[in-house]
Amino acid sequence: RMRVEGAITGVLGLCVIAMVVLIGGASDSFVGSTAADT
């Protein structure tokens, strides 16, 4: 159980880091002109 939970936690951590990197790198495209206008 500890091995499975450790593996799942590691994978979820990598997913969160990848999400932060992807969103952080492309945050200007997500904001867009509508958010910049308002």
PDB file of all heavy atoms in Angstrom:
ATOM      1  N   ARG A   1       0.832  -1.218   0.000  1.00  0.00           N
ATOM      2  CA  ARG A   1       0.000   0.000   0.000  1.00  0.00           C
ATOM      3  C   ARG A   1       0.861   1.260   0.000  1.00  0.00           C
ATOM      4  O   ARG A   1       0.563   2.221  -0.690  1.00  0.00           O
ATOM      5  CB  ARG A   1      -0.919  -0.016   1.214  1.00  0.00           C
ATOM      6  CG  ARG A   1      -1.846   1.148   1.283  1.00  0.00           C
ATOM      7  CD  ARG A   1      -2.774   1.033   2.457  1.00  0.00           C
ATOM      8  NE  ARG A   1      -3.508   2.275   2.613  1.00  0.00           N
ATOM      9  CZ  ARG A   1      -4.161   2.592   3.695  1.00  0.00           C
ATOM     10  NH1 ARG A   1      -4.207   1.773   4.714  1.00  0.00           N
ATOM     11  NH2 ARG A   1      -4.796   3.738   3.763  1.00  0.00           N
ATOM     12  N   MET A   2       1.935   1.246   0.782  1.00  0.00           N
ATOM     13  CA  MET A   2       2.835   2.402   0.830  1.00  0.00           C
ATOM     14  C   MET A   2       3.487   2.644  -0.530  1.00  0.00           C
ATOM     15  O   MET A   2       3.639   3.791  -0.962  1.00  0.00           O
ATOM     16  CB  MET A   2       3.918   2.194   1.892  1.00  0.00           C
ATOM     17  CG  MET A   2       3.398   2.250   3.316  1.00  0.00           C
ATOM     18  SD  MET A   2       2.873   3.884   3.795  1.00  0.00           S
ATOM     19  CE  MET A   2       4.429   4.700   3.892  1.00  0.00           C
ATOM     20  N   ARG A   3       3.884   1.570  -1.225  1.00  0.00           N
ATOM     21  CA  ARG A   3       4.486   1.730  -2.556  1.00  0.00           C
ATOM     22  C   ARG A   3       3.484   2.330  -3.538  1.00  0.00           C
ATOM     23  O   ARG A   3       3.818   3.230  -4.310  1.00  0.00           O
ATOM     24  CB  ARG A   3       4.993   0.391  -3.078  1.00  0.00           C
ATOM     25  CG  ARG A   3       6.324  -0.031  -2.505  1.00  0.00           C
ATOM     26  CD  ARG A   3       6.915  -1.192  -3.283  1.00  0.00           C
ATOM     27  NE  ARG A   3       6.048  -2.352  -3.334  1.00  0.00           N
ATOM     28  CZ  ARG A   3       6.062  -3.356  -2.459  1.00  0.00           C
ATOM     29  NH1 ARG A   3       6.893  -3.326  -1.440  1.00  0.00           N
ATOM     30  NH2 ARG A   3       5.242  -4.375  -2.603  1.00  0.00           N
ATOM     31  N   VAL A   4       2.250   1.835  -3.504  1.00  0.00           N
ATOM     32  CA  VAL A   4       1.218   2.344  -4.416  1.00  0.00           C
ATOM     33  C   VAL A   4       0.914   3.810  -4.109  1.00  0.00           C
ATOM     34  O   VAL A   4       0.849   4.646  -5.023  1.00  0.00           O
ATOM     35  CB  VAL A   4      -0.062   1.476  -4.331  1.00  0.00           C
ATOM     36  CG1 VAL A   4      -1.222   2.139  -5.039  1.00  0.00           C
ATOM     37  CG2 VAL A   4       0.201   0.105  -4.907  1.00  0.00           C
ATOM     38  N   GLU A   5       0.735   4.144  -2.825  1.00  0.00           N
ATOM     39  CA  GLU A   5       0.445   5.532  -2.464  1.00  0.00           C
ATOM     40  C   GLU A   5       1.611   6.453  -2.820  1.00  0.00           C
ATOM     41  O   GLU A   5       1.401   7.570  -3.271  1.00  0.00           O
ATOM     42  CB  GLU A   5       0.132   5.634  -0.973  1.00  0.00           C
ATOM     43  CG  GLU A   5      -1.217   5.066  -0.599  1.00  0.00           C
ATOM     44  CD  GLU A   5      -1.476   5.103   0.891  1.00  0.00           C
ATOM     45  OE1 GLU A   5      -0.582   5.515   1.661  1.00  0.00           O
ATOM     46  OE2 GLU A   5      -2.584   4.718   1.292  1.00  0.00           O
ATOM     47  N   GLY A   6       2.835   5.979  -2.632  1.00  0.00           N
ATOM     48  CA  GLY A   6       3.998   6.781  -3.002  1.00  0.00           C
ATOM     49  C   GLY A   6       4.061   7.032  -4.496  1.00  0.00           C
ATOM     50  O   GLY A   6       4.361   8.142  -4.946  1.00  0.00           O
ATOM     51  N   ALA A   7       3.765   6.002  -5.281  1.00  0.00           N
ATOM     52  CA  ALA A   7       3.779   6.163  -6.737  1.00  0.00           C
ATOM     53  C   ALA A   7       2.687   7.129  -7.189  1.00  0.00           C
ATOM     54  O   ALA A   7       2.925   8.001  -8.034  1.00  0.00           O
ATOM     55  CB  ALA A   7       3.594   4.806  -7.411  1.00  0.00           C
ATOM     56  N   ILE A   8       1.504   6.994  -6.625  1.00  0.00           N
ATOM     57  CA  ILE A   8       0.401   7.884  -6.998  1.00  0.00           C
ATOM     58  C   ILE A   8       0.719   9.319  -6.606  1.00  0.00           C
ATOM     59  O   ILE A   8       0.494  10.252  -7.383  1.00  0.00           O
ATOM     60  CB  ILE A   8      -0.916   7.409  -6.349  1.00  0.00           C
ATOM     61  CG1 ILE A   8      -1.380   6.115  -7.005  1.00  0.00           C
ATOM     62  CG2 ILE A   8      -2.002   8.466  -6.460  1.00  0.00           C
ATOM     63  CD1 ILE A   8      -2.548   5.450  -6.311  1.00  0.00           C
ATOM     64  N   THR A   9       1.263   9.509  -5.422  1.00  0.00           N
ATOM     65  CA  THR A   9       1.614  10.855  -4.975  1.00  0.00           C
ATOM     66  C   THR A   9       2.684  11.463  -5.870  1.00  0.00           C
ATOM     67  O   THR A   9       2.619  12.632  -6.229  1.00  0.00           O
ATOM     68  CB  THR A   9       2.100  10.832  -3.517  1.00  0.00           C
ATOM     69  OG1 THR A   9       1.082  10.243  -2.705  1.00  0.00           O
ATOM     70  CG2 THR A   9       2.404  12.222  -3.006  1.00  0.00           C
ATOM     71  N   GLY A  10       3.670  10.663  -6.272  1.00  0.00           N
ATOM     72  CA  GLY A  10       4.720  11.155  -7.157  1.00  0.00           C
ATOM     73  C   GLY A  10       4.170  11.570  -8.515  1.00  0.00           C
ATOM     74  O   GLY A  10       4.527  12.626  -9.044  1.00  0.00           O
ATOM     75  N   VAL A  11       3.299  10.745  -9.066  1.00  0.00           N
ATOM     76  CA  VAL A  11       2.711  11.067 -10.369  1.00  0.00           C
ATOM     77  C   VAL A  11       1.852  12.322 -10.276  1.00  0.00           C
ATOM     78  O   VAL A  11       1.915  13.204 -11.146  1.00  0.00           O
ATOM     79  CB  VAL A  11       1.888   9.872 -10.901  1.00  0.00           C
ATOM     80  CG1 VAL A  11       1.039  10.263 -12.089  1.00  0.00           C
ATOM     81  CG2 VAL A  11       2.810   8.727 -11.266  1.00  0.00           C
ATOM     82  N   LEU A  12       1.054  12.435  -9.214  1.00  0.00           N
ATOM     83  CA  LEU A  12       0.225  13.632  -9.050  1.00  0.00           C
ATOM     84  C   LEU A  12       1.092  14.878  -8.857  1.00  0.00           C
ATOM     85  O   LEU A  12       0.769  15.948  -9.378  1.00  0.00           O
ATOM     86  CB  LEU A  12      -0.731  13.471  -7.876  1.00  0.00           C
ATOM     87  CG  LEU A  12      -1.878  12.487  -8.086  1.00  0.00           C
ATOM     88  CD1 LEU A  12      -2.681  12.325  -6.802  1.00  0.00           C
ATOM     89  CD2 LEU A  12      -2.768  12.925  -9.222  1.00  0.00           C
ATOM     90  N   GLY A  13       2.185  14.737  -8.123  1.00  0.00           N
ATOM     91  CA  GLY A  13       3.096  15.867  -7.951  1.00  0.00           C
ATOM     92  C   GLY A  13       3.695  16.313  -9.273  1.00  0.00           C
ATOM     93  O   GLY A  13       3.783  17.514  -9.554  1.00  0.00           O
ATOM     94  N   LEU A  14       4.106  15.347 -10.098  1.00  0.00           N
ATOM     95  CA  LEU A  14       4.644  15.696 -11.414  1.00  0.00           C
ATOM     96  C   LEU A  14       3.583  16.361 -12.285  1.00  0.00           C
ATOM     97  O   LEU A  14       3.885  17.303 -13.036  1.00  0.00           O
ATOM     98  CB  LEU A  14       5.199  14.455 -12.104  1.00  0.00           C
ATOM     99  CG  LEU A  14       6.492  13.894 -11.515  1.00  0.00           C
ATOM    100  CD1 LEU A  14       6.853  12.581 -12.199  1.00  0.00           C
ATOM    101  CD2 LEU A  14       7.621  14.900 -11.653  1.00  0.00           C
ATOM    102  N   CYS A  15       2.343  15.885 -12.191  1.00  0.00           N
ATOM    103  CA  CYS A  15       1.256  16.500 -12.963  1.00  0.00           C
ATOM    104  C   CYS A  15       1.021  17.941 -12.524  1.00  0.00           C
ATOM    105  O   CYS A  15       0.815  18.822 -13.365  1.00  0.00           O
ATOM    106  CB  CYS A  15      -0.030  15.695 -12.816  1.00  0.00           C
ATOM    107  SG  CYS A  15       0.001  14.116 -13.672  1.00  0.00           S
ATOM    108  N   VAL A  16       1.066  18.178 -11.228  1.00  0.00           N
ATOM    109  CA  VAL A  16       0.864  19.541 -10.725  1.00  0.00           C
ATOM    110  C   VAL A  16       2.005  20.446 -11.184  1.00  0.00           C
ATOM    111  O   VAL A  16       1.776  21.576 -11.629  1.00  0.00           O
ATOM    112  CB  VAL A  16       0.732  19.544  -9.184  1.00  0.00           C
ATOM    113  CG1 VAL A  16       0.808  20.946  -8.628  1.00  0.00           C
ATOM    114  CG2 VAL A  16      -0.566  18.894  -8.781  1.00  0.00           C
ATOM    115  N   ILE A  17       3.234  19.945 -11.103  1.00  0.00           N
ATOM    116  CA  ILE A  17       4.378  20.748 -11.554  1.00  0.00           C
ATOM    117  C   ILE A  17       4.273  21.042 -13.040  1.00  0.00           C
ATOM    118  O   ILE A  17       4.501  22.174 -13.479  1.00  0.00           O
ATOM    119  CB  ILE A  17       5.697  20.029 -11.210  1.00  0.00           C
ATOM    120  CG1 ILE A  17       5.900  20.029  -9.696  1.00  0.00           C
ATOM    121  CG2 ILE A  17       6.879  20.676 -11.909  1.00  0.00           C
ATOM    122  CD1 ILE A  17       7.045  19.162  -9.226  1.00  0.00           C
ATOM    123  N   ALA A  18       3.913  20.025 -13.833  1.00  0.00           N
ATOM    124  CA  ALA A  18       3.753  20.242 -15.271  1.00  0.00           C
ATOM    125  C   ALA A  18       2.646  21.249 -15.553  1.00  0.00           C
ATOM    126  O   ALA A  18       2.788  22.110 -16.436  1.00  0.00           O
ATOM    127  CB  ALA A  18       3.450  18.914 -15.963  1.00  0.00           C
ATOM    128  N   MET A  19       1.553  21.171 -14.797  1.00  0.00           N
ATOM    129  CA  MET A  19       0.455  22.117 -14.988  1.00  0.00           C
ATOM    130  C   MET A  19       0.902  23.536 -14.677  1.00  0.00           C
ATOM    131  O   MET A  19       0.595  24.472 -15.423  1.00  0.00           O
ATOM    132  CB  MET A  19      -0.722  21.741 -14.082  1.00  0.00           C
ATOM    133  CG  MET A  19      -1.920  22.651 -14.234  1.00  0.00           C
ATOM    134  SD  MET A  19      -3.236  22.233 -13.099  1.00  0.00           S
ATOM    135  CE  MET A  19      -2.542  22.767 -11.557  1.00  0.00           C
ATOM    136  N   VAL A  20       1.656  23.700 -13.598  1.00  0.00           N
ATOM    137  CA  VAL A  20       2.132  25.031 -13.226  1.00  0.00           C
ATOM    138  C   VAL A  20       3.069  25.572 -14.290  1.00  0.00           C
ATOM    139  O   VAL A  20       2.989  26.745 -14.667  1.00  0.00           O
ATOM    140  CB  VAL A  20       2.814  24.997 -11.841  1.00  0.00           C
ATOM    141  CG1 VAL A  20       3.553  26.284 -11.560  1.00  0.00           C
ATOM    142  CG2 VAL A  20       1.786  24.741 -10.764  1.00  0.00           C
ATOM    143  N   VAL A  21       3.959  24.719 -14.798  1.00  0.00           N
ATOM    144  CA  VAL A  21       4.897  25.164 -15.830  1.00  0.00           C
ATOM    145  C   VAL A  21       4.148  25.537 -17.102  1.00  0.00           C
ATOM    146  O   VAL A  21       4.417  26.581 -17.709  1.00  0.00           O
ATOM    147  CB  VAL A  21       5.951  24.067 -16.103  1.00  0.00           C
ATOM    148  CG1 VAL A  21       6.747  24.377 -17.352  1.00  0.00           C
ATOM    149  CG2 VAL A  21       6.866  23.915 -14.910  1.00  0.00           C
ATOM    150  N   LEU A  22       3.206  24.705 -17.501  1.00  0.00           N
ATOM    151  CA  LEU A  22       2.459  24.990 -18.731  1.00  0.00           C
ATOM    152  C   LEU A  22       1.600  26.239 -18.592  1.00  0.00           C
ATOM    153  O   LEU A  22       1.558  27.082 -19.482  1.00  0.00           O
ATOM    154  CB  LEU A  22       1.591  23.795 -19.116  1.00  0.00           C
ATOM    155  CG  LEU A  22       2.346  22.565 -19.601  1.00  0.00           C
ATOM    156  CD1 LEU A  22       1.377  21.416 -19.815  1.00  0.00           C
ATOM    157  CD2 LEU A  22       3.094  22.873 -20.877  1.00  0.00           C
ATOM    158  N   ILE A  23       0.898  26.356 -17.492  1.00  0.00           N
ATOM    159  CA  ILE A  23       0.036  27.525 -17.302  1.00  0.00           C
ATOM    160  C   ILE A  23       0.876  28.772 -17.074  1.00  0.00           C
ATOM    161  O   ILE A  23       0.566  29.843 -17.582  1.00  0.00           O
ATOM    162  CB  ILE A  23      -0.957  27.297 -16.146  1.00  0.00           C
ATOM    163  CG1 ILE A  23      -1.971  26.239 -16.564  1.00  0.00           C
ATOM    164  CG2 ILE A  23      -1.666  28.584 -15.763  1.00  0.00           C
ATOM    165  CD1 ILE A  23      -2.934  25.855 -15.478  1.00  0.00           C
ATOM    166  N   GLY A  24       1.956  28.632 -16.306  1.00  0.00           N
ATOM    167  CA  GLY A  24       2.819  29.783 -16.054  1.00  0.00           C
ATOM    168  C   GLY A  24       3.497  30.279 -17.324  1.00  0.00           C
ATOM    169  O   GLY A  24       3.643  31.481 -17.535  1.00  0.00           O
ATOM    170  N   GLY A  25       3.878  29.354 -18.197  1.00  0.00           N
ATOM    171  CA  GLY A  25       4.534  29.749 -19.437  1.00  0.00           C
ATOM    172  C   GLY A  25       3.576  30.344 -20.451  1.00  0.00           C
ATOM    173  O   GLY A  25       3.961  31.157 -21.282  1.00  0.00           O
ATOM    174  N   ALA A  26       2.332  29.934 -20.395  1.00  0.00           N
ATOM    175  CA  ALA A  26       1.357  30.407 -21.371  1.00  0.00           C
ATOM    176  C   ALA A  26       0.290  31.278 -20.724  1.00  0.00           C
ATOM    177  O   ALA A  26      -0.828  31.372 -21.218  1.00  0.00           O
ATOM    178  CB  ALA A  26       0.708  29.210 -22.058  1.00  0.00           C
ATOM    179  N   SER A  27       0.603  31.918 -19.623  1.00  0.00           N
ATOM    180  CA  SER A  27      -0.418  32.695 -18.921  1.00  0.00           C
ATOM    181  C   SER A  27      -0.900  33.893 -19.733  1.00  0.00           C
ATOM    182  O   SER A  27      -2.037  34.302 -19.616  1.00  0.00           O
ATOM    183  CB  SER A  27       0.105  33.165 -17.568  1.00  0.00           C
ATOM    184  OG  SER A  27       1.214  34.025 -17.767  1.00  0.00           O
ATOM    185  N   ASP A  28      -0.038  34.453 -20.579  1.00  0.00           N
ATOM    186  CA  ASP A  28      -0.482  35.582 -21.400  1.00  0.00           C
ATOM    187  C   ASP A  28      -1.543  35.165 -22.406  1.00  0.00           C
ATOM    188  O   ASP A  28      -2.489  35.905 -22.662  1.00  0.00           O
ATOM    189  CB  ASP A  28       0.715  36.188 -22.140  1.00  0.00           C
ATOM    190  CG  ASP A  28       1.706  36.834 -21.186  1.00  0.00           C
ATOM    191  OD1 ASP A  28       1.273  37.206 -20.072  1.00  0.00           O
ATOM    192  OD2 ASP A  28       2.886  36.935 -21.538  1.00  0.00           O
ATOM    193  N   SER A  29      -1.407  33.961 -22.953  1.00  0.00           N
ATOM    194  CA  SER A  29      -2.412  33.521 -23.921  1.00  0.00           C
ATOM    195  C   SER A  29      -3.727  33.181 -23.239  1.00  0.00           C
ATOM    196  O   SER A  29      -4.779  33.288 -23.842  1.00  0.00           O
ATOM    197  CB  SER A  29      -1.897  32.306 -24.702  1.00  0.00           C
ATOM    198  OG  SER A  29      -1.695  31.212 -23.831  1.00  0.00           O
ATOM    199  N   PHE A  30      -3.697  32.750 -21.975  1.00  0.00           N
ATOM    200  CA  PHE A  30      -4.934  32.445 -21.263  1.00  0.00           C
ATOM    201  C   PHE A  30      -5.673  33.711 -20.863  1.00  0.00           C
ATOM    202  O   PHE A  30      -6.882  33.734 -20.802  1.00  0.00           O
ATOM    203  CB  PHE A  30      -4.658  31.610 -20.014  1.00  0.00           C
ATOM    204  CG  PHE A  30      -4.372  30.163 -20.309  1.00  0.00           C
ATOM    205  CD1 PHE A  30      -3.228  29.565 -19.818  1.00  0.00           C
ATOM    206  CD2 PHE A  30      -5.233  29.412 -21.076  1.00  0.00           C
ATOM    207  CE1 PHE A  30      -2.963  28.237 -20.087  1.00  0.00           C
ATOM    208  CE2 PHE A  30      -4.981  28.087 -21.352  1.00  0.00           C
ATOM    209  CZ  PHE A  30      -3.839  27.504 -20.858  1.00  0.00           C
ATOM    210  N   VAL A  31      -4.935  34.759 -20.533  1.00  0.00           N
ATOM    211  CA  VAL A  31      -5.579  35.999 -20.107  1.00  0.00           C
ATOM    212  C   VAL A  31      -6.360  36.595 -21.259  1.00  0.00           C
ATOM    213  O   VAL A  31      -7.511  36.948 -21.134  1.00  0.00           O
ATOM    214  CB  VAL A  31      -4.537  36.994 -19.542  1.00  0.00           C
ATOM    215  CG1 VAL A  31      -5.182  38.330 -19.271  1.00  0.00           C
ATOM    216  CG2 VAL A  31      -3.919  36.435 -18.291  1.00  0.00           C
ATOM    217  N   GLY A  32      -5.746  36.685 -22.411  1.00  0.00           N
ATOM    218  CA  GLY A  32      -6.428  37.133 -23.612  1.00  0.00           C
ATOM    219  C   GLY A  32      -6.808  38.605 -23.591  1.00  0.00           C
ATOM    220  O   GLY A  32      -6.554  39.328 -22.642  1.00  0.00           O
ATOM    221  N   SER A  33      -7.429  39.031 -24.672  1.00  0.00           N
ATOM    222  CA  SER A  33      -7.764  40.441 -24.814  1.00  0.00           C
ATOM    223  C   SER A  33      -8.970  40.822 -23.966  1.00  0.00           C
ATOM    224  O   SER A  33      -9.083  41.950 -23.522  1.00  0.00           O
ATOM    225  CB  SER A  33      -8.037  40.761 -26.279  1.00  0.00           C
ATOM    226  OG  SER A  33      -9.147  40.010 -26.733  1.00  0.00           O
ATOM    227  N   THR A  34      -9.901  39.903 -23.730  1.00  0.00           N
ATOM    228  CA  THR A  34     -11.083  40.227 -22.937  1.00  0.00           C
ATOM    229  C   THR A  34     -10.690  40.579 -21.508  1.00  0.00           C
ATOM    230  O   THR A  34     -11.163  41.561 -20.949  1.00  0.00           O
ATOM    231  CB  THR A  34     -12.069  39.044 -22.927  1.00  0.00           C
ATOM    232  OG1 THR A  34     -12.358  38.677 -24.258  1.00  0.00           O
ATOM    233  CG2 THR A  34     -13.331  39.409 -22.200  1.00  0.00           C
ATOM    234  N   ALA A  35      -9.787  39.780 -20.927  1.00  0.00           N
ATOM    235  CA  ALA A  35      -9.342  40.064 -19.569  1.00  0.00           C
ATOM    236  C   ALA A  35      -8.520  41.344 -19.539  1.00  0.00           C
ATOM    237  O   ALA A  35      -8.591  42.118 -18.579  1.00  0.00           O
ATOM    238  CB  ALA A  35      -8.521  38.896 -19.018  1.00  0.00           C
ATOM    239  N   ALA A  36      -7.739  41.575 -20.576  1.00  0.00           N
ATOM    240  CA  ALA A  36      -6.940  42.791 -20.614  1.00  0.00           C
ATOM    241  C   ALA A  36      -7.836  44.021 -20.746  1.00  0.00           C
ATOM    242  O   ALA A  36      -7.534  45.075 -20.172  1.00  0.00           O
ATOM    243  CB  ALA A  36      -5.956  42.733 -21.780  1.00  0.00           C
ATOM    244  N   ASP A  37      -8.948  43.892 -21.457  1.00  0.00           N
ATOM    245  CA  ASP A  37      -9.870  45.017 -21.616  1.00  0.00           C
ATOM    246  C   ASP A  37     -10.583  45.334 -20.306  1.00  0.00           C
ATOM    247  O   ASP A  37     -10.747  46.493 -19.943  1.00  0.00           O
ATOM    248  CB  ASP A  37     -10.915  44.711 -22.696  1.00  0.00           C
ATOM    249  CG  ASP A  37     -10.288  44.614 -24.083  1.00  0.00           C
ATOM    250  OD1 ASP A  37      -9.149  45.114 -24.247  1.00  0.00           O
ATOM    251  OD2 ASP A  37     -10.924  44.025 -24.967  1.00  0.00           O
ATOM    252  N   THR A  38     -11.018  44.299 -19.594  1.00  0.00           N
ATOM    253  CA  THR A  38     -11.787  44.527 -18.376  1.00  0.00           C
ATOM    254  C   THR A  38     -10.914  44.672 -17.144  1.00  0.00           C
ATOM    255  O   THR A  38     -11.333  45.248 -16.153  1.00  0.00           O
ATOM    256  CB  THR A  38     -12.769  43.365 -18.130  1.00  0.00           C
ATOM    257  OG1 THR A  38     -12.021  42.152 -17.979  1.00  0.00           O
ATOM    258  CG2 THR A  38     -13.754  43.234 -19.272  1.00  0.00           C
TER     259      THR A  38
END
